[in-house]
Amino acid sequence: MKKALLVTHVSGFVPQFEMGNVKILQEMGYEVHYASNYHNPSYGDDNHRLDGTGIIRHQVDFERSPYSLKNLTAYRQLKKLMEEERFDLVHCHTPMGGALARLAARKTKTGPVIYTAHGFHFFKGAPLINWLVYYPVERWLSRFTDVQVTINHEDYMRAKNQFKARRTVRIHGVGIDLAPSGKSREEKRWELGIQPDEILLLTAGELNRNKNQRMVLEAMGKLKGMTEAKLVYAACGKGDCLESLEKRARELGIEANVRFLGYREDFREILKTADIFLMPSYREGLPTVVMEAMSAGLPVIGTDIRGNRDLIQPGKTGYLVGVDDAGQMAQAIKWLAEDENLRREMGAGGQTAILPFGREQVAKEMKKIYCSLEGQTWKDK
């Protein structure tokens, strides 16, 4: 049987974003293996979502930091795994997973190799250190990449014009489920304790500095006295910033209107309860949660960054606001909170705009890539 190896540095990545690709590979006759650090799950507290998938798991002791010497152990583990299993295809994701997998594949002459960049760490406006550390490494590693997959315009143009992968393609993200799901809006709002006359603002993502939920709190603080709309902000996700965010909500006097919901596997149902979706991040590749929010018919207010710009059409499906500009975000929230027709119009526009990003379309794009590599013998470059 043919064997395919998926590689990410955290084990929650495949069940969260890549099960569509797993299904494609299995339908093509591949036995799918997954190398990751299962001691460091993401998008949940454990690895139960991999149960029953047919995926063969391999523990690799990845560290997220590129400066950690422990990644030398991870490299040796990957190299040994490739020597033993003799994979016919390697598809790697995440910066450390992508770097170490490509190095091990080159050393063991394993491949062909696909690397999907879900948002390079270097981008317009990124800190200089990101350019100094990540850009030269990715540019060099591109020489050992058969297909470089990108998911936004900025990354695609940079990879196509500056990198050395044999082929560079852009796809419509990871593919989202466009079908409606779960309980009714009213039933789920009652479950969450949201009143019928309240306007629910929603974010989703790890509670960390990059996701920048603090900007929403600052906007909520500015909106006190600016609008008669009854606003409630709910954040789905967990992370190290929870305590500081709770503290800031108390300082602003808005804690009664803020809910931290933790990581939620019913996120798509929660989306239906919301009125406005917010994406205040400093950095994104092509945010799946924004696509899901648009599919659910929500207007989206996002920071003017790569990824958000690929999805949000200002004035048509939502608004783009300056990074850390809580005043601009507050004004955009006010416009939408006070105008139900505007919310409905922008939400409908988003549902139309997001159609090319559905699972079926992305599956066609990925299957075309996999099929193009069938039977190829990988050669050291």
Protein backbone atom coordinates (compact mmCIF):
# COMPACT_ATOMS: atom_id res chain seq x y z
CA MET A 1 0.00 0.00 0.00
CA LYS A 2 1.16 3.54 -0.72
CA LYS A 3 2.06 5.59 2.33
CA ALA A 4 1.63 9.33 2.93
CA LEU A 5 3.11 11.22 5.88
CA LEU A 6 1.54 14.36 7.31
CA VAL A 7 3.74 16.46 9.60
CA THR A 8 2.83 19.32 11.97
CA HIS A 9 4.51 20.41 15.18
CA VAL A 10 1.25 20.34 17.21
CA SER A 11 -1.12 17.38 17.09
CA GLY A 12 -4.43 19.21 16.90
CA PHE A 13 -3.65 20.71 13.51
CA VAL A 14 -4.74 17.81 11.30
CA PRO A 15 -8.13 17.15 12.96
CA GLN A 16 -8.82 20.89 12.97
CA PHE A 17 -7.81 21.75 9.42
CA GLU A 18 -6.62 18.79 7.35
CA MET A 19 -9.21 15.99 7.58
CA GLY A 20 -10.33 16.83 4.05
CA ASN A 21 -6.84 16.02 2.78
CA VAL A 22 -6.74 12.85 4.88
CA LYS A 23 -9.95 11.69 3.19
CA ILE A 24 -8.58 12.47 -0.28
CA LEU A 25 -5.38 10.54 0.37
CA GLN A 26 -7.23 7.56 1.81
CA GLU A 27 -9.58 7.49 -1.18
CA MET A 28 -6.51 7.53 -3.44
CA GLY A 29 -5.28 4.37 -1.72
CA TYR A 30 -2.76 5.85 0.71
CA GLU A 31 -2.16 4.66 4.24
CA VAL A 32 -2.01 7.96 6.11
CA HIS A 33 0.57 8.50 8.85
CA TYR A 34 0.80 11.56 11.07
CA ALA A 35 3.99 12.73 12.81
CA SER A 36 3.46 15.34 15.51
CA ASN A 37 4.01 16.15 19.16
CA TYR A 38 1.05 14.46 20.80
CA HIS A 39 2.13 15.73 24.21
CA ASN A 40 1.29 19.25 23.07
CA PRO A 41 -2.25 19.13 21.63
CA SER A 42 -3.84 22.26 20.20
CA TYR A 43 -7.46 23.11 19.36
CA GLY A 44 -8.61 21.06 22.35
CA ASP A 45 -7.24 19.34 25.43
CA ASP A 46 -6.44 15.93 23.94
CA ASN A 47 -6.17 13.95 20.71
CA HIS A 48 -9.55 12.20 20.73
CA ARG A 49 -10.58 13.64 17.37
CA LEU A 50 -8.01 11.39 15.69
CA ASP A 51 -9.69 8.27 17.05
CA GLY A 52 -11.37 6.21 14.37
CA THR A 53 -9.81 8.14 11.48
CA GLY A 54 -7.49 5.37 10.34
CA ILE A 55 -4.50 7.68 10.79
CA ILE A 56 -1.34 6.01 12.10
CA ARG A 57 0.29 8.26 14.71
CA HIS A 58 3.98 8.80 15.36
CA GLN A 59 5.28 10.81 18.31
CA VAL A 60 7.93 13.37 17.36
CA ASP A 61 9.24 15.70 20.06
CA PHE A 62 8.81 18.99 18.19
CA GLU A 63 9.35 22.29 19.98
CA ARG A 64 7.65 25.37 18.57
CA SER A 65 10.67 27.62 19.02
CA PRO A 66 13.21 27.52 16.18
CA TYR A 67 15.91 28.17 18.80
CA SER A 68 15.25 25.00 20.82
CA LEU A 69 18.00 22.39 20.59
CA LYS A 70 15.32 19.76 21.30
CA ASN A 71 14.35 20.06 17.65
CA LEU A 72 17.57 18.19 16.81
CA THR A 73 15.93 15.20 18.48
CA ALA A 74 12.78 15.78 16.44
CA TYR A 75 14.85 15.85 13.25
CA ARG A 76 16.49 12.53 14.11
CA GLN A 77 13.10 11.00 14.94
CA LEU A 78 11.67 12.13 11.60
CA LYS A 79 14.69 10.85 9.70
CA LYS A 80 14.44 7.43 11.38
CA LEU A 81 10.69 7.29 10.67
CA MET A 82 11.22 8.05 6.99
CA GLU A 83 13.99 5.46 6.71
CA GLU A 84 11.78 2.80 8.27
CA GLU A 85 8.47 3.51 6.54
CA ARG A 86 9.68 4.66 3.09
CA PHE A 87 6.81 7.05 2.45
CA ASP A 88 5.61 7.78 -1.07
CA LEU A 89 4.47 11.33 -0.23
CA VAL A 90 5.17 13.89 2.49
CA HIS A 91 2.82 16.79 3.18
CA CYS A 92 4.06 19.11 5.92
CA HIS A 93 2.57 22.14 7.68
CA THR A 94 3.54 24.70 10.36
CA PRO A 95 6.99 26.35 10.39
CA MET A 96 8.87 23.77 12.48
CA GLY A 97 7.00 20.81 11.03
CA GLY A 98 7.69 22.08 7.53
CA ALA A 99 11.36 22.83 8.15
CA LEU A 100 12.34 19.57 9.85
CA ALA A 101 10.24 17.40 7.53
CA ARG A 102 11.87 18.86 4.44
CA LEU A 103 15.36 18.44 5.90
CA ALA A 104 14.66 14.84 6.87
CA ALA A 105 13.09 14.11 3.48
CA ARG A 106 16.12 15.50 1.70
CA LYS A 107 18.48 13.42 3.83
CA THR A 108 16.52 10.19 3.32
CA LYS A 109 15.54 10.88 -0.30
CA THR A 110 11.86 10.67 0.62
CA GLY A 111 9.17 12.39 -1.36
CA PRO A 112 7.74 14.12 -3.27
CA VAL A 113 7.28 16.85 -0.64
CA ILE A 114 4.43 19.35 -0.33
CA TYR A 115 4.65 22.24 2.11
CA THR A 116 1.55 24.27 2.88
CA ALA A 117 2.27 27.69 4.36
CA HIS A 118 -0.75 28.75 6.40
CA GLY A 119 0.74 32.24 6.65
CA PHE A 120 4.46 32.97 6.49
CA HIS A 121 5.84 34.63 9.62
CA PHE A 122 7.33 37.33 7.37
CA PHE A 123 4.85 39.67 5.74
CA LYS A 124 4.32 43.36 5.07
CA GLY A 125 4.56 45.05 8.44
CA ALA A 126 6.06 42.06 10.27
CA PRO A 127 8.78 42.66 12.89
CA LEU A 128 12.31 42.77 11.48
CA ILE A 129 13.31 39.73 13.52
CA ASN A 130 10.74 37.65 11.61
CA TRP A 131 12.37 38.62 8.33
CA LEU A 132 15.86 37.93 9.66
CA VAL A 133 14.99 34.51 11.08
CA TYR A 134 12.20 33.00 8.99
CA TYR A 135 12.61 34.47 5.51
CA PRO A 136 16.11 33.14 4.66
CA VAL A 137 15.25 29.72 6.11
CA GLU A 138 12.03 29.39 4.10
CA ARG A 139 13.74 30.64 0.95
CA TRP A 140 16.51 28.05 1.33
CA LEU A 141 14.13 25.21 2.20
CA SER A 142 12.02 25.98 -0.86
CA ARG A 143 14.76 24.28 -2.92
CA PHE A 144 13.73 20.99 -1.32
CA THR A 145 10.01 21.50 -1.95
CA ASP A 146 8.17 19.93 -4.88
CA VAL A 147 4.96 21.91 -4.36
CA GLN A 148 4.73 25.07 -2.27
CA VAL A 149 1.09 25.63 -1.37
CA THR A 150 -0.05 29.09 -0.26
CA ILE A 151 -3.45 30.33 0.84
CA ASN A 152 -3.34 34.11 0.39
CA HIS A 153 -2.28 36.52 -2.33
CA GLU A 154 0.70 38.11 -0.56
CA ASP A 155 2.33 34.78 0.31
CA TYR A 156 1.67 33.39 -3.17
CA MET A 157 3.33 36.30 -4.96
CA ARG A 158 6.36 36.22 -2.65
CA ALA A 159 6.82 32.45 -2.94
CA LYS A 160 6.30 32.49 -6.70
CA ASN A 161 8.73 35.34 -7.35
CA GLN A 162 11.40 34.81 -4.70
CA PHE A 163 11.46 31.12 -3.74
CA LYS A 164 12.79 28.06 -5.59
CA ALA A 165 10.10 25.40 -5.16
CA ARG A 166 9.50 23.29 -8.25
CA ARG A 167 5.91 24.53 -8.32
CA THR A 168 3.98 27.18 -6.38
CA VAL A 169 0.19 27.16 -6.15
CA ARG A 170 -2.48 29.05 -4.29
CA ILE A 171 -5.61 27.33 -2.98
CA HIS A 172 -8.75 28.61 -1.28
CA GLY A 173 -7.66 27.81 2.28
CA VAL A 174 -8.37 24.56 4.07
CA GLY A 175 -11.98 24.21 2.92
CA ILE A 176 -14.95 24.97 5.13
CA ASP A 177 -18.30 23.29 5.59
CA LEU A 178 -20.86 25.53 3.89
CA ALA A 179 -23.87 23.57 5.16
CA PRO A 180 -25.88 24.95 8.10
CA SER A 181 -25.59 22.94 11.31
CA GLY A 182 -26.97 22.35 14.75
CA LYS A 183 -29.52 24.06 16.90
CA SER A 184 -31.59 27.08 16.00
CA ARG A 185 -30.27 30.57 16.73
CA GLU A 186 -32.85 31.15 19.47
CA GLU A 187 -32.20 27.83 21.19
CA LYS A 188 -28.43 28.31 21.25
CA ARG A 189 -28.68 31.92 22.45
CA TRP A 190 -30.88 30.79 25.32
CA GLU A 191 -28.30 28.12 26.15
CA LEU A 192 -25.54 30.76 26.26
CA GLY A 193 -27.65 33.23 28.24
CA ILE A 194 -27.87 35.84 25.45
CA GLN A 195 -31.05 37.91 25.57
CA PRO A 196 -33.14 38.50 22.42
CA ASP A 197 -32.42 42.26 22.39
CA GLU A 198 -28.65 41.91 22.87
CA ILE A 199 -26.16 42.30 20.01
CA LEU A 200 -23.58 39.52 20.29
CA LEU A 201 -20.03 40.26 19.16
CA LEU A 202 -17.92 37.13 18.70
CA THR A 203 -14.26 36.22 18.31
CA ALA A 204 -12.60 32.80 18.11
CA GLY A 205 -8.98 31.82 18.57
CA GLU A 206 -6.33 31.20 21.18
CA LEU A 207 -6.29 33.87 23.86
CA ASN A 208 -2.84 35.21 23.03
CA ARG A 209 -1.15 38.43 22.03
CA ASN A 210 -1.39 37.78 18.28
CA LYS A 211 -5.15 37.20 18.30
CA ASN A 212 -5.41 40.55 20.12
CA GLN A 213 -8.76 40.12 21.89
CA ARG A 214 -7.72 43.08 24.04
CA MET A 215 -8.54 45.38 21.11
CA VAL A 216 -12.18 44.26 21.30
CA LEU A 217 -12.29 45.05 25.01
CA GLU A 218 -10.87 48.52 24.33
CA ALA A 219 -13.49 49.08 21.62
CA MET A 220 -16.23 47.94 24.02
CA GLY A 221 -14.93 50.43 26.56
CA LYS A 222 -15.10 53.25 24.02
CA LEU A 223 -18.65 52.30 23.06
CA LYS A 224 -20.03 52.99 26.53
CA GLY A 225 -22.28 56.00 26.03
CA MET A 226 -21.75 55.96 22.24
CA THR A 227 -24.60 53.61 21.40
CA GLU A 228 -27.91 52.49 22.83
CA ALA A 229 -27.39 48.99 21.45
CA LYS A 230 -27.01 46.35 24.15
CA LEU A 231 -23.64 44.78 23.36
CA VAL A 232 -22.28 41.48 24.62
CA TYR A 233 -18.83 40.19 23.65
CA ALA A 234 -18.08 36.44 23.68
CA ALA A 235 -14.61 35.00 23.06
CA CYS A 236 -14.21 31.34 22.10
CA GLY A 237 -10.77 29.98 22.92
CA LYS A 238 -8.33 29.42 25.72
CA GLY A 239 -4.82 30.68 26.31
CA ASP A 240 -2.27 32.45 28.48
CA CYS A 241 -3.92 35.86 28.18
CA LEU A 242 -7.18 34.89 29.89
CA GLU A 243 -6.37 36.45 33.27
CA SER A 244 -5.07 39.70 31.78
CA LEU A 245 -8.14 39.98 29.55
CA GLU A 246 -10.48 39.40 32.48
CA LYS A 247 -8.59 42.04 34.43
CA ARG A 248 -8.82 44.56 31.59
CA ALA A 249 -12.58 43.94 31.26
CA ARG A 250 -12.97 44.75 34.97
CA GLU A 251 -10.85 47.89 34.63
CA LEU A 252 -13.05 49.10 31.76
CA GLY A 253 -16.22 48.31 33.71
CA ILE A 254 -17.55 45.97 31.02
CA GLU A 255 -17.07 42.58 32.72
CA ALA A 256 -20.85 42.01 32.91
CA ASN A 257 -20.98 42.18 29.11
CA VAL A 258 -18.01 39.91 28.39
CA ARG A 259 -18.04 36.09 28.26
CA PHE A 260 -14.97 33.89 27.91
CA LEU A 261 -16.36 30.60 26.62
CA GLY A 262 -13.16 28.52 26.41
CA TYR A 263 -12.39 26.14 23.55
CA ARG A 264 -15.66 25.05 21.93
CA GLU A 265 -16.29 22.11 19.64
CA ASP A 266 -19.76 23.58 18.98
CA PHE A 267 -18.27 26.75 17.49
CA ARG A 268 -20.31 26.56 14.29
CA GLU A 269 -23.49 26.50 16.35
CA ILE A 270 -22.28 29.45 18.42
CA LEU A 271 -21.65 31.39 15.19
CA LYS A 272 -25.37 31.31 14.47
CA THR A 273 -26.06 33.08 17.76
CA ALA A 274 -23.81 36.03 16.91
CA ASP A 275 -24.65 39.29 15.14
CA ILE A 276 -21.15 40.52 14.29
CA PHE A 277 -17.84 38.64 14.00
CA LEU A 278 -14.54 40.33 14.89
CA MET A 279 -11.00 39.41 13.79
CA PRO A 280 -8.58 41.77 15.58
CA SER A 281 -5.34 39.80 14.92
CA TYR A 282 -1.88 41.18 14.22
CA ARG A 283 -1.06 38.28 11.87
CA GLU A 284 -3.15 35.74 9.92
CA GLY A 285 -2.65 33.45 6.94
CA LEU A 286 -6.22 32.98 5.73
CA PRO A 287 -8.38 32.77 8.86
CA THR A 288 -10.78 29.83 8.77
CA VAL A 289 -12.95 31.38 11.46
CA VAL A 290 -13.58 34.42 9.26
CA MET A 291 -14.63 32.15 6.41
CA GLU A 292 -16.94 30.23 8.74
CA ALA A 293 -18.42 33.49 10.05
CA MET A 294 -19.10 34.71 6.53
CA SER A 295 -20.67 31.38 5.62
CA ALA A 296 -22.93 31.76 8.67
CA GLY A 297 -24.14 35.12 7.31
CA LEU A 298 -22.25 37.40 9.70
CA PRO A 299 -20.69 40.75 8.79
CA VAL A 300 -17.01 40.75 9.77
CA ILE A 301 -14.86 43.53 11.20
CA GLY A 302 -11.18 42.69 10.90
CA THR A 303 -7.83 44.37 11.14
CA ASP A 304 -6.32 45.46 7.83
CA ILE A 305 -3.81 42.62 7.51
CA ARG A 306 -2.90 39.86 5.06
CA GLY A 307 -5.53 37.13 5.15
CA ASN A 308 -8.31 39.42 6.36
CA ARG A 309 -7.79 41.50 3.22
CA ASP A 310 -8.21 38.36 1.08
CA LEU A 311 -11.64 37.71 2.57
CA ILE A 312 -13.33 40.91 3.76
CA GLN A 313 -14.67 43.33 1.13
CA PRO A 314 -14.93 46.69 2.92
CA GLY A 315 -18.41 48.11 2.77
CA LYS A 316 -19.80 44.92 1.22
CA THR A 317 -19.12 42.07 3.63
CA GLY A 318 -17.75 44.03 6.60
CA TYR A 319 -15.03 46.52 7.47
CA LEU A 320 -11.24 46.60 7.71
CA VAL A 321 -9.84 48.72 10.53
CA GLY A 322 -6.35 49.74 11.57
CA VAL A 323 -4.33 47.32 13.69
CA ASP A 324 -4.85 48.26 17.36
CA ASP A 325 -7.18 51.11 16.33
CA ALA A 326 -9.91 50.45 18.90
CA GLY A 327 -11.60 53.71 17.93
CA GLN A 328 -12.10 52.57 14.33
CA MET A 329 -13.33 49.19 15.51
CA ALA A 330 -15.78 50.85 17.92
CA GLN A 331 -17.18 53.00 15.11
CA ALA A 332 -17.61 49.98 12.81
CA ILE A 333 -19.33 48.04 15.60
CA LYS A 334 -21.65 51.02 16.20
CA TRP A 335 -22.66 51.19 12.53
CA LEU A 336 -23.52 47.52 12.40
CA ALA A 337 -25.05 47.21 15.88
CA GLU A 338 -27.50 50.01 15.18
CA ASP A 339 -28.52 48.87 11.68
CA GLU A 340 -30.05 45.40 11.38
CA ASN A 341 -30.59 45.83 7.63
CA LEU A 342 -26.90 46.62 7.14
CA ARG A 343 -25.92 43.51 9.11
CA ARG A 344 -28.26 41.39 7.02
CA GLU A 345 -27.04 42.91 3.72
CA MET A 346 -23.35 42.44 4.54
CA GLY A 347 -23.97 38.97 5.89
CA ALA A 348 -25.69 37.92 2.67
CA GLY A 349 -22.80 39.40 0.67
CA GLY A 350 -20.34 37.35 2.71
CA GLN A 351 -22.25 34.14 2.10
CA THR A 352 -21.94 34.67 -1.63
CA ALA A 353 -18.30 35.76 -1.54
CA ILE A 354 -17.20 32.74 0.47
CA LEU A 355 -18.61 30.05 -1.84
CA PRO A 356 -15.26 29.32 -3.60
CA PHE A 357 -13.74 28.50 -0.19
CA GLY A 358 -15.99 25.49 0.48
CA ARG A 359 -14.75 21.98 1.10
CA GLU A 360 -15.68 20.63 -2.31
CA GLN A 361 -13.76 23.32 -4.18
CA VAL A 362 -10.65 23.01 -2.01
CA ALA A 363 -10.81 19.20 -2.23
CA LYS A 364 -10.69 19.47 -6.03
CA GLU A 365 -7.67 21.77 -5.79
CA MET A 366 -5.81 19.48 -3.41
CA LYS A 367 -6.65 16.29 -5.28
CA LYS A 368 -5.25 17.87 -8.44
CA ILE A 369 -1.99 18.55 -6.58
CA TYR A 370 -1.76 15.03 -5.15
CA CYS A 371 -2.55 13.41 -8.49
CA SER A 372 0.07 15.51 -10.24
CA LEU A 373 2.71 13.93 -7.99
CA GLU A 374 1.60 10.31 -8.36
CA GLY A 375 4.41 8.07 -9.46
CA GLN A 376 7.09 10.73 -9.23
CA THR A 377 10.46 9.73 -7.83
CA TRP A 378 11.89 12.39 -5.57
CA LYS A 379 15.44 13.40 -6.37
CA ASP A 380 17.80 15.35 -4.18
CA LYS A 381 18.23 18.86 -5.53
